[in-house]
Amino acid sequence: ISLKGTDKINEINRIFKSIYTIMSPILPKEGSRGFLFAG
């Protein structure tokens, strides 16, 4: 929704093999950070 119509969301969908995508950062106070993908 937030990246609708952009080349980036199309690229992400191709990489993650999805039609609709949501990605959210994982932000612990210490140690490794990352992100959660749901598609």
PDB file of all heavy atoms in Angstrom:
ATOM      1  N   ILE A   1       0.837  -1.202   0.000  1.00  0.00           N
ATOM      2  CA  ILE A   1       0.000   0.000   0.000  1.00  0.00           C
ATOM      3  C   ILE A   1       0.871   1.250   0.000  1.00  0.00           C
ATOM      4  O   ILE A   1       0.690   2.156  -0.809  1.00  0.00           O
ATOM      5  CB  ILE A   1      -0.937  -0.008   1.221  1.00  0.00           C
ATOM      6  CG1 ILE A   1      -1.879  -1.217   1.172  1.00  0.00           C
ATOM      7  CG2 ILE A   1      -1.738   1.284   1.307  1.00  0.00           C
ATOM      8  CD1 ILE A   1      -2.722  -1.390   2.421  1.00  0.00           C
ATOM      9  N   SER A   2       1.870   1.288   0.947  1.00  0.00           N
ATOM     10  CA  SER A   2       2.693   2.496   1.071  1.00  0.00           C
ATOM     11  C   SER A   2       3.625   2.691  -0.127  1.00  0.00           C
ATOM     12  O   SER A   2       4.002   3.820  -0.438  1.00  0.00           O
ATOM     13  CB  SER A   2       3.512   2.432   2.369  1.00  0.00           C
ATOM     14  OG  SER A   2       4.402   1.328   2.343  1.00  0.00           O
ATOM     15  N   LEU A   3       3.996   1.576  -0.806  1.00  0.00           N
ATOM     16  CA  LEU A   3       4.886   1.681  -1.970  1.00  0.00           C
ATOM     17  C   LEU A   3       4.161   1.361  -3.282  1.00  0.00           C
ATOM     18  O   LEU A   3       4.797   0.989  -4.280  1.00  0.00           O
ATOM     19  CB  LEU A   3       6.080   0.726  -1.805  1.00  0.00           C
ATOM     20  CG  LEU A   3       7.025   0.986  -0.619  1.00  0.00           C
ATOM     21  CD1 LEU A   3       8.130  -0.057  -0.574  1.00  0.00           C
ATOM     22  CD2 LEU A   3       7.614   2.382  -0.686  1.00  0.00           C
ATOM     23  N   LYS A   4       2.841   1.489  -3.255  1.00  0.00           N
ATOM     24  CA  LYS A   4       2.026   1.111  -4.426  1.00  0.00           C
ATOM     25  C   LYS A   4       2.487   1.852  -5.695  1.00  0.00           C
ATOM     26  O   LYS A   4       2.687   3.062  -5.701  1.00  0.00           O
ATOM     27  CB  LYS A   4       0.560   1.428  -4.152  1.00  0.00           C
ATOM     28  CG  LYS A   4      -0.384   0.927  -5.234  1.00  0.00           C
ATOM     29  CD  LYS A   4      -1.829   1.192  -4.839  1.00  0.00           C
ATOM     30  CE  LYS A   4      -2.781   0.664  -5.921  1.00  0.00           C
ATOM     31  NZ  LYS A   4      -4.200   0.916  -5.547  1.00  0.00           N
ATOM     32  N   GLY A   5       2.673   1.052  -6.766  1.00  0.00           N
ATOM     33  CA  GLY A   5       3.019   1.627  -8.060  1.00  0.00           C
ATOM     34  C   GLY A   5       4.493   1.944  -8.243  1.00  0.00           C
ATOM     35  O   GLY A   5       4.886   2.441  -9.298  1.00  0.00           O
ATOM     36  N   THR A   6       5.337   1.666  -7.196  1.00  0.00           N
ATOM     37  CA  THR A   6       6.766   1.971  -7.315  1.00  0.00           C
ATOM     38  C   THR A   6       7.517   0.750  -7.850  1.00  0.00           C
ATOM     39  O   THR A   6       7.089  -0.398  -7.715  1.00  0.00           O
ATOM     40  CB  THR A   6       7.353   2.367  -5.959  1.00  0.00           C
ATOM     41  OG1 THR A   6       7.250   1.251  -5.054  1.00  0.00           O
ATOM     42  CG2 THR A   6       6.610   3.551  -5.363  1.00  0.00           C
ATOM     43  N   ASP A   7       8.655   1.027  -8.470  1.00  0.00           N
ATOM     44  CA  ASP A   7       9.495  -0.070  -8.967  1.00  0.00           C
ATOM     45  C   ASP A   7      10.015  -0.918  -7.811  1.00  0.00           C
ATOM     46  O   ASP A   7      10.234  -2.133  -7.972  1.00  0.00           O
ATOM     47  CB  ASP A   7      10.673   0.489  -9.768  1.00  0.00           C
ATOM     48  CG  ASP A   7      10.221   1.148 -11.069  1.00  0.00           C
ATOM     49  OD1 ASP A   7       9.130   0.779 -11.553  1.00  0.00           O
ATOM     50  OD2 ASP A   7      10.959   2.018 -11.582  1.00  0.00           O
ATOM     51  N   LYS A   8      10.215  -0.278  -6.626  1.00  0.00           N
ATOM     52  CA  LYS A   8      10.805  -1.002  -5.495  1.00  0.00           C
ATOM     53  C   LYS A   8       9.891  -2.108  -4.998  1.00  0.00           C
ATOM     54  O   LYS A   8      10.346  -3.219  -4.713  1.00  0.00           O
ATOM     55  CB  LYS A   8      11.104  -0.028  -4.336  1.00  0.00           C
ATOM     56  CG  LYS A   8      12.047  -0.607  -3.302  1.00  0.00           C
ATOM     57  CD  LYS A   8      13.400  -0.896  -3.928  1.00  0.00           C
ATOM     58  CE  LYS A   8      14.317  -1.672  -3.020  1.00  0.00           C
ATOM     59  NZ  LYS A   8      15.608  -1.961  -3.643  1.00  0.00           N
ATOM     60  N   ILE A   9       8.582  -1.829  -4.904  1.00  0.00           N
ATOM     61  CA  ILE A   9       7.679  -2.858  -4.416  1.00  0.00           C
ATOM     62  C   ILE A   9       7.569  -3.995  -5.426  1.00  0.00           C
ATOM     63  O   ILE A   9       7.454  -5.169  -5.053  1.00  0.00           O
ATOM     64  CB  ILE A   9       6.285  -2.275  -4.075  1.00  0.00           C
ATOM     65  CG1 ILE A   9       5.482  -3.303  -3.256  1.00  0.00           C
ATOM     66  CG2 ILE A   9       5.532  -1.875  -5.319  1.00  0.00           C
ATOM     67  CD1 ILE A   9       6.089  -3.623  -1.914  1.00  0.00           C
ATOM     68  N   ASN A  10       7.660  -3.666  -6.712  1.00  0.00           N
ATOM     69  CA  ASN A  10       7.647  -4.720  -7.736  1.00  0.00           C
ATOM     70  C   ASN A  10       8.890  -5.595  -7.621  1.00  0.00           C
ATOM     71  O   ASN A  10       8.821  -6.822  -7.749  1.00  0.00           O
ATOM     72  CB  ASN A  10       7.568  -4.093  -9.130  1.00  0.00           C
ATOM     73  CG  ASN A  10       6.241  -3.370  -9.353  1.00  0.00           C
ATOM     74  OD1 ASN A  10       5.217  -3.750  -8.776  1.00  0.00           O
ATOM     75  ND2 ASN A  10       6.247  -2.341 -10.192  1.00  0.00           N
ATOM     76  N   GLU A  11      10.039  -4.947  -7.336  1.00  0.00           N
ATOM     77  CA  GLU A  11      11.291  -5.701  -7.168  1.00  0.00           C
ATOM     78  C   GLU A  11      11.220  -6.603  -5.932  1.00  0.00           C
ATOM     79  O   GLU A  11      11.622  -7.772  -5.981  1.00  0.00           O
ATOM     80  CB  GLU A  11      12.453  -4.717  -7.024  1.00  0.00           C
ATOM     81  CG  GLU A  11      13.803  -5.395  -6.825  1.00  0.00           C
ATOM     82  CD  GLU A  11      14.897  -4.383  -6.517  1.00  0.00           C
ATOM     83  OE1 GLU A  11      14.694  -3.171  -6.757  1.00  0.00           O
ATOM     84  OE2 GLU A  11      15.951  -4.814  -6.000  1.00  0.00           O
ATOM     85  N   ILE A  12      10.692  -6.046  -4.821  1.00  0.00           N
ATOM     86  CA  ILE A  12      10.562  -6.838  -3.589  1.00  0.00           C
ATOM     87  C   ILE A  12       9.647  -8.034  -3.817  1.00  0.00           C
ATOM     88  O   ILE A  12       9.948  -9.161  -3.384  1.00  0.00           O
ATOM     89  CB  ILE A  12      10.024  -5.952  -2.440  1.00  0.00           C
ATOM     90  CG1 ILE A  12      11.082  -4.918  -2.028  1.00  0.00           C
ATOM     91  CG2 ILE A  12       9.615  -6.789  -1.230  1.00  0.00           C
ATOM     92  CD1 ILE A  12      10.570  -3.871  -1.057  1.00  0.00           C
ATOM     93  N   ASN A  13       8.536  -7.802  -4.508  1.00  0.00           N
ATOM     94  CA  ASN A  13       7.605  -8.903  -4.784  1.00  0.00           C
ATOM     95  C   ASN A  13       8.270  -9.989  -5.628  1.00  0.00           C
ATOM     96  O   ASN A  13       8.009 -11.183  -5.424  1.00  0.00           O
ATOM     97  CB  ASN A  13       6.354  -8.368  -5.476  1.00  0.00           C
ATOM     98  CG  ASN A  13       5.451  -7.597  -4.518  1.00  0.00           C
ATOM     99  OD1 ASN A  13       5.513  -7.800  -3.309  1.00  0.00           O
ATOM    100  ND2 ASN A  13       4.616  -6.706  -5.057  1.00  0.00           N
ATOM    101  N   ARG A  14       9.110  -9.574  -6.579  1.00  0.00           N
ATOM    102  CA  ARG A  14       9.811 -10.581  -7.388  1.00  0.00           C
ATOM    103  C   ARG A  14      10.794 -11.375  -6.527  1.00  0.00           C
ATOM    104  O   ARG A  14      10.863 -12.609  -6.636  1.00  0.00           O
ATOM    105  CB  ARG A  14      10.564  -9.892  -8.539  1.00  0.00           C
ATOM    106  CG  ARG A  14       9.678  -9.461  -9.705  1.00  0.00           C
ATOM    107  CD  ARG A  14      10.505  -9.163 -10.947  1.00  0.00           C
ATOM    108  NE  ARG A  14      11.517  -8.145 -10.711  1.00  0.00           N
ATOM    109  CZ  ARG A  14      11.304  -6.838 -10.824  1.00  0.00           C
ATOM    110  NH1 ARG A  14      10.090  -6.392 -11.174  1.00  0.00           N
ATOM    111  NH2 ARG A  14      12.266  -5.970 -10.595  1.00  0.00           N
ATOM    112  N   ILE A  15      11.561 -10.653  -5.684  1.00  0.00           N
ATOM    113  CA  ILE A  15      12.563 -11.336  -4.849  1.00  0.00           C
ATOM    114  C   ILE A  15      11.896 -12.315  -3.891  1.00  0.00           C
ATOM    115  O   ILE A  15      12.327 -13.467  -3.748  1.00  0.00           O
ATOM    116  CB  ILE A  15      13.401 -10.298  -4.066  1.00  0.00           C
ATOM    117  CG1 ILE A  15      14.271  -9.483  -5.030  1.00  0.00           C
ATOM    118  CG2 ILE A  15      14.281 -10.973  -3.005  1.00  0.00           C
ATOM    119  CD1 ILE A  15      14.985  -8.319  -4.377  1.00  0.00           C
ATOM    120  N   PHE A  16      10.829 -11.854  -3.233  1.00  0.00           N
ATOM    121  CA  PHE A  16      10.187 -12.668  -2.197  1.00  0.00           C
ATOM    122  C   PHE A  16       9.037 -13.522  -2.739  1.00  0.00           C
ATOM    123  O   PHE A  16       8.356 -14.186  -1.961  1.00  0.00           O
ATOM    124  CB  PHE A  16       9.683 -11.769  -1.069  1.00  0.00           C
ATOM    125  CG  PHE A  16      10.791 -11.176  -0.244  1.00  0.00           C
ATOM    126  CD1 PHE A  16      11.343  -9.951  -0.583  1.00  0.00           C
ATOM    127  CD2 PHE A  16      11.295 -11.848   0.856  1.00  0.00           C
ATOM    128  CE1 PHE A  16      12.367  -9.394   0.163  1.00  0.00           C
ATOM    129  CE2 PHE A  16      12.310 -11.295   1.621  1.00  0.00           C
ATOM    130  CZ  PHE A  16      12.861 -10.067   1.266  1.00  0.00           C
ATOM    131  N   LYS A  17       8.837 -13.469  -4.085  1.00  0.00           N
ATOM    132  CA  LYS A  17       7.835 -14.310  -4.747  1.00  0.00           C
ATOM    133  C   LYS A  17       6.453 -14.118  -4.111  1.00  0.00           C
ATOM    134  O   LYS A  17       5.811 -15.066  -3.656  1.00  0.00           O
ATOM    135  CB  LYS A  17       8.256 -15.774  -4.704  1.00  0.00           C
ATOM    136  CG  LYS A  17       9.584 -16.021  -5.432  1.00  0.00           C
ATOM    137  CD  LYS A  17      10.042 -17.448  -5.293  1.00  0.00           C
ATOM    138  CE  LYS A  17      11.242 -17.744  -6.171  1.00  0.00           C
ATOM    139  NZ  LYS A  17      12.233 -16.694  -6.337  1.00  0.00           N
ATOM    140  N   SER A  18       6.013 -12.869  -4.107  1.00  0.00           N
ATOM    141  CA  SER A  18       4.705 -12.550  -3.535  1.00  0.00           C
ATOM    142  C   SER A  18       3.995 -11.529  -4.415  1.00  0.00           C
ATOM    143  O   SER A  18       4.588 -10.915  -5.295  1.00  0.00           O
ATOM    144  CB  SER A  18       4.882 -11.986  -2.118  1.00  0.00           C
ATOM    145  OG  SER A  18       5.561 -10.752  -2.170  1.00  0.00           O
ATOM    146  N   ILE A  19       2.690 -11.390  -4.169  1.00  0.00           N
ATOM    147  CA  ILE A  19       1.896 -10.378  -4.868  1.00  0.00           C
ATOM    148  C   ILE A  19       1.701  -9.164  -3.968  1.00  0.00           C
ATOM    149  O   ILE A  19       1.815  -8.024  -4.405  1.00  0.00           O
ATOM    150  CB  ILE A  19       0.525 -10.963  -5.287  1.00  0.00           C
ATOM    151  CG1 ILE A  19       0.723 -12.094  -6.293  1.00  0.00           C
ATOM    152  CG2 ILE A  19      -0.356  -9.879  -5.888  1.00  0.00           C
ATOM    153  CD1 ILE A  19      -0.564 -12.787  -6.679  1.00  0.00           C
ATOM    154  N   TYR A  20       1.392  -9.445  -2.706  1.00  0.00           N
ATOM    155  CA  TYR A  20       1.228  -8.388  -1.716  1.00  0.00           C
ATOM    156  C   TYR A  20       2.256  -8.594  -0.603  1.00  0.00           C
ATOM    157  O   TYR A  20       2.483  -9.736  -0.165  1.00  0.00           O
ATOM    158  CB  TYR A  20      -0.192  -8.389  -1.148  1.00  0.00           C
ATOM    159  CG  TYR A  20      -1.262  -8.171  -2.195  1.00  0.00           C
ATOM    160  CD1 TYR A  20      -2.105  -9.207  -2.565  1.00  0.00           C
ATOM    161  CD2 TYR A  20      -1.402  -6.924  -2.810  1.00  0.00           C
ATOM    162  CE1 TYR A  20      -3.078  -9.012  -3.530  1.00  0.00           C
ATOM    163  CE2 TYR A  20      -2.368  -6.724  -3.780  1.00  0.00           C
ATOM    164  CZ  TYR A  20      -3.203  -7.767  -4.146  1.00  0.00           C
ATOM    165  OH  TYR A  20      -4.165  -7.580  -5.105  1.00  0.00           O
ATOM    166  N   THR A  21       2.842  -7.503  -0.108  1.00  0.00           N
ATOM    167  CA  THR A  21       3.966  -7.574   0.829  1.00  0.00           C
ATOM    168  C   THR A  21       3.801  -6.583   1.976  1.00  0.00           C
ATOM    169  O   THR A  21       3.333  -5.468   1.779  1.00  0.00           O
ATOM    170  CB  THR A  21       5.297  -7.273   0.097  1.00  0.00           C
ATOM    171  OG1 THR A  21       5.537  -8.311  -0.843  1.00  0.00           O
ATOM    172  CG2 THR A  21       6.464  -7.173   1.063  1.00  0.00           C
ATOM    173  N   ILE A  22       4.237  -7.014   3.165  1.00  0.00           N
ATOM    174  CA  ILE A  22       4.406  -6.115   4.315  1.00  0.00           C
ATOM    175  C   ILE A  22       5.753  -6.441   4.945  1.00  0.00           C
ATOM    176  O   ILE A  22       6.075  -7.612   5.173  1.00  0.00           O
ATOM    177  CB  ILE A  22       3.293  -6.282   5.361  1.00  0.00           C
ATOM    178  CG1 ILE A  22       1.933  -5.911   4.768  1.00  0.00           C
ATOM    179  CG2 ILE A  22       3.562  -5.408   6.592  1.00  0.00           C
ATOM    180  CD1 ILE A  22       0.766  -6.183   5.696  1.00  0.00           C
ATOM    181  N   MET A  23       6.554  -5.414   5.238  1.00  0.00           N
ATOM    182  CA  MET A  23       7.847  -5.605   5.893  1.00  0.00           C
ATOM    183  C   MET A  23       7.934  -4.634   7.068  1.00  0.00           C
ATOM    184  O   MET A  23       7.616  -3.459   6.932  1.00  0.00           O
ATOM    185  CB  MET A  23       9.007  -5.354   4.925  1.00  0.00           C
ATOM    186  CG  MET A  23       8.997  -6.297   3.730  1.00  0.00           C
ATOM    187  SD  MET A  23      10.324  -5.958   2.557  1.00  0.00           S
ATOM    188  CE  MET A  23      11.689  -6.669   3.436  1.00  0.00           C
ATOM    189  N   SER A  24       8.377  -5.182   8.230  1.00  0.00           N
ATOM    190  CA  SER A  24       8.463  -4.353   9.435  1.00  0.00           C
ATOM    191  C   SER A  24       9.797  -4.594  10.121  1.00  0.00           C
ATOM    192  O   SER A  24      10.234  -5.748  10.249  1.00  0.00           O
ATOM    193  CB  SER A  24       7.311  -4.693  10.392  1.00  0.00           C
ATOM    194  OG  SER A  24       7.310  -3.823  11.498  1.00  0.00           O
ATOM    195  N   PRO A  25      10.476  -3.535  10.588  1.00  0.00           N
ATOM    196  CA  PRO A  25      11.786  -3.714  11.240  1.00  0.00           C
ATOM    197  C   PRO A  25      11.668  -4.367  12.613  1.00  0.00           C
ATOM    198  O   PRO A  25      10.708  -4.135  13.346  1.00  0.00           O
ATOM    199  CB  PRO A  25      12.322  -2.284  11.353  1.00  0.00           C
ATOM    200  CG  PRO A  25      11.121  -1.406  11.321  1.00  0.00           C
ATOM    201  CD  PRO A  25      10.118  -2.108  10.469  1.00  0.00           C
ATOM    202  N   ILE A  26      12.649  -5.213  12.939  1.00  0.00           N
ATOM    203  CA  ILE A  26      12.770  -5.826  14.265  1.00  0.00           C
ATOM    204  C   ILE A  26      13.878  -5.071  14.980  1.00  0.00           C
ATOM    205  O   ILE A  26      15.029  -5.085  14.538  1.00  0.00           O
ATOM    206  CB  ILE A  26      13.096  -7.333  14.157  1.00  0.00           C
ATOM    207  CG1 ILE A  26      11.940  -8.056  13.454  1.00  0.00           C
ATOM    208  CG2 ILE A  26      13.351  -7.935  15.524  1.00  0.00           C
ATOM    209  CD1 ILE A  26      12.228  -9.515  13.152  1.00  0.00           C
ATOM    210  N   LEU A  27      13.551  -4.429  16.124  1.00  0.00           N
ATOM    211  CA  LEU A  27      14.462  -3.452  16.734  1.00  0.00           C
ATOM    212  C   LEU A  27      14.716  -3.737  18.209  1.00  0.00           C
ATOM    213  O   LEU A  27      14.274  -2.991  19.093  1.00  0.00           O
ATOM    214  CB  LEU A  27      13.887  -2.038  16.573  1.00  0.00           C
ATOM    215  CG  LEU A  27      13.558  -1.602  15.139  1.00  0.00           C
ATOM    216  CD1 LEU A  27      12.737  -0.328  15.156  1.00  0.00           C
ATOM    217  CD2 LEU A  27      14.846  -1.409  14.349  1.00  0.00           C
ATOM    218  N   PRO A  28      15.430  -4.823  18.522  1.00  0.00           N
ATOM    219  CA  PRO A  28      15.808  -5.017  19.928  1.00  0.00           C
ATOM    220  C   PRO A  28      16.781  -3.926  20.367  1.00  0.00           C
ATOM    221  O   PRO A  28      17.471  -3.328  19.544  1.00  0.00           O
ATOM    222  CB  PRO A  28      16.484  -6.399  19.923  1.00  0.00           C
ATOM    223  CG  PRO A  28      16.959  -6.588  18.530  1.00  0.00           C
ATOM    224  CD  PRO A  28      15.969  -5.883  17.649  1.00  0.00           C
ATOM    225  N   LYS A  29      16.837  -3.663  21.676  1.00  0.00           N
ATOM    226  CA  LYS A  29      17.706  -2.602  22.175  1.00  0.00           C
ATOM    227  C   LYS A  29      19.178  -2.981  22.064  1.00  0.00           C
ATOM    228  O   LYS A  29      20.039  -2.113  21.938  1.00  0.00           O
ATOM    229  CB  LYS A  29      17.356  -2.301  23.642  1.00  0.00           C
ATOM    230  CG  LYS A  29      15.975  -1.698  23.803  1.00  0.00           C
ATOM    231  CD  LYS A  29      15.645  -1.475  25.269  1.00  0.00           C
ATOM    232  CE  LYS A  29      14.237  -0.906  25.438  1.00  0.00           C
ATOM    233  NZ  LYS A  29      13.867  -0.726  26.854  1.00  0.00           N
ATOM    234  N   GLU A  30      19.473  -4.270  22.139  1.00  0.00           N
ATOM    235  CA  GLU A  30      20.851  -4.732  22.030  1.00  0.00           C
ATOM    236  C   GLU A  30      20.922  -5.893  21.050  1.00  0.00           C
ATOM    237  O   GLU A  30      19.950  -6.608  20.832  1.00  0.00           O
ATOM    238  CB  GLU A  30      21.379  -5.180  23.395  1.00  0.00           C
ATOM    239  CG  GLU A  30      21.505  -4.054  24.402  1.00  0.00           C
ATOM    240  CD  GLU A  30      22.125  -4.522  25.702  1.00  0.00           C
ATOM    241  OE1 GLU A  30      22.585  -5.683  25.760  1.00  0.00           O
ATOM    242  OE2 GLU A  30      22.166  -3.732  26.654  1.00  0.00           O
ATOM    243  N   GLY A  31      22.094  -6.092  20.473  1.00  0.00           N
ATOM    244  CA  GLY A  31      22.296  -7.226  19.576  1.00  0.00           C
ATOM    245  C   GLY A  31      21.822  -6.945  18.159  1.00  0.00           C
ATOM    246  O   GLY A  31      21.545  -5.803  17.770  1.00  0.00           O
ATOM    247  N   SER A  32      21.744  -8.014  17.366  1.00  0.00           N
ATOM    248  CA  SER A  32      21.419  -7.903  15.938  1.00  0.00           C
ATOM    249  C   SER A  32      19.988  -7.424  15.720  1.00  0.00           C
ATOM    250  O   SER A  32      19.060  -7.888  16.374  1.00  0.00           O
ATOM    251  CB  SER A  32      21.606  -9.261  15.260  1.00  0.00           C
ATOM    252  OG  SER A  32      22.942  -9.692  15.372  1.00  0.00           O
ATOM    253  N   ARG A  33      19.834  -6.483  14.766  1.00  0.00           N
ATOM    254  CA  ARG A  33      18.517  -6.035  14.339  1.00  0.00           C
ATOM    255  C   ARG A  33      18.185  -6.654  12.995  1.00  0.00           C
ATOM    256  O   ARG A  33      19.051  -7.224  12.333  1.00  0.00           O
ATOM    257  CB  ARG A  33      18.491  -4.507  14.255  1.00  0.00           C
ATOM    258  CG  ARG A  33      18.671  -3.824  15.606  1.00  0.00           C
ATOM    259  CD  ARG A  33      18.523  -2.325  15.506  1.00  0.00           C
ATOM    260  NE  ARG A  33      18.414  -1.713  16.817  1.00  0.00           N
ATOM    261  CZ  ARG A  33      18.043  -0.458  17.028  1.00  0.00           C
ATOM    262  NH1 ARG A  33      17.748   0.330  15.978  1.00  0.00           N
ATOM    263  NH2 ARG A  33      17.960   0.035  18.248  1.00  0.00           N
ATOM    264  N   GLY A  34      16.941  -6.524  12.563  1.00  0.00           N
ATOM    265  CA  GLY A  34      16.555  -7.124  11.292  1.00  0.00           C
ATOM    266  C   GLY A  34      15.180  -6.677  10.853  1.00  0.00           C
ATOM    267  O   GLY A  34      14.706  -5.605  11.221  1.00  0.00           O
ATOM    268  N   PHE A  35      14.523  -7.534  10.054  1.00  0.00           N
ATOM    269  CA  PHE A  35      13.177  -7.193   9.595  1.00  0.00           C
ATOM    270  C   PHE A  35      12.346  -8.457   9.440  1.00  0.00           C
ATOM    271  O   PHE A  35      12.868  -9.566   9.268  1.00  0.00           O
ATOM    272  CB  PHE A  35      13.225  -6.407   8.278  1.00  0.00           C
ATOM    273  CG  PHE A  35      13.790  -7.185   7.110  1.00  0.00           C
ATOM    274  CD1 PHE A  35      12.972  -7.950   6.294  1.00  0.00           C
ATOM    275  CD2 PHE A  35      15.151  -7.135   6.830  1.00  0.00           C
ATOM    276  CE1 PHE A  35      13.488  -8.660   5.222  1.00  0.00           C
ATOM    277  CE2 PHE A  35      15.675  -7.836   5.757  1.00  0.00           C
ATOM    278  CZ  PHE A  35      14.851  -8.600   4.951  1.00  0.00           C
ATOM    279  N   LEU A  36      11.033  -8.267   9.521  1.00  0.00           N
ATOM    280  CA  LEU A  36      10.051  -9.344   9.345  1.00  0.00           C
ATOM    281  C   LEU A  36       9.319  -9.113   8.030  1.00  0.00           C
ATOM    282  O   LEU A  36       8.813  -8.017   7.788  1.00  0.00           O
ATOM    283  CB  LEU A  36       9.064  -9.333  10.516  1.00  0.00           C
ATOM    284  CG  LEU A  36       7.794 -10.178  10.366  1.00  0.00           C
ATOM    285  CD1 LEU A  36       8.118 -11.660  10.309  1.00  0.00           C
ATOM    286  CD2 LEU A  36       6.834  -9.893  11.540  1.00  0.00           C
ATOM    287  N   PHE A  37       9.289 -10.143   7.184  1.00  0.00           N
ATOM    288  CA  PHE A  37       8.564 -10.075   5.906  1.00  0.00           C
ATOM    289  C   PHE A  37       7.334 -10.976   5.996  1.00  0.00           C
ATOM    290  O   PHE A  37       7.408 -12.109   6.480  1.00  0.00           O
ATOM    291  CB  PHE A  37       9.453 -10.546   4.751  1.00  0.00           C
ATOM    292  CG  PHE A  37       8.683 -10.898   3.510  1.00  0.00           C
ATOM    293  CD1 PHE A  37       8.324  -9.924   2.590  1.00  0.00           C
ATOM    294  CD2 PHE A  37       8.287 -12.220   3.267  1.00  0.00           C
ATOM    295  CE1 PHE A  37       7.593 -10.256   1.459  1.00  0.00           C
ATOM    296  CE2 PHE A  37       7.562 -12.558   2.142  1.00  0.00           C
ATOM    297  CZ  PHE A  37       7.221 -11.570   1.233  1.00  0.00           C
ATOM    298  N   ALA A  38       6.203 -10.461   5.529  1.00  0.00           N
ATOM    299  CA  ALA A  38       4.982 -11.264   5.400  1.00  0.00           C
ATOM    300  C   ALA A  38       4.391 -10.994   4.023  1.00  0.00           C
ATOM    301  O   ALA A  38       4.235  -9.835   3.625  1.00  0.00           O
ATOM    302  CB  ALA A  38       3.980 -10.909   6.493  1.00  0.00           C
ATOM    303  N   GLY A  39       4.090 -12.054   3.283  1.00  0.00           N
ATOM    304  CA  GLY A  39       3.574 -11.868   1.924  1.00  0.00           C
ATOM    305  C   GLY A  39       2.604 -12.958   1.532  1.00  0.00           C
ATOM    306  O   GLY A  39       2.449 -13.978   2.215  1.00  0.00           O
TER     307      GLY A  39
END
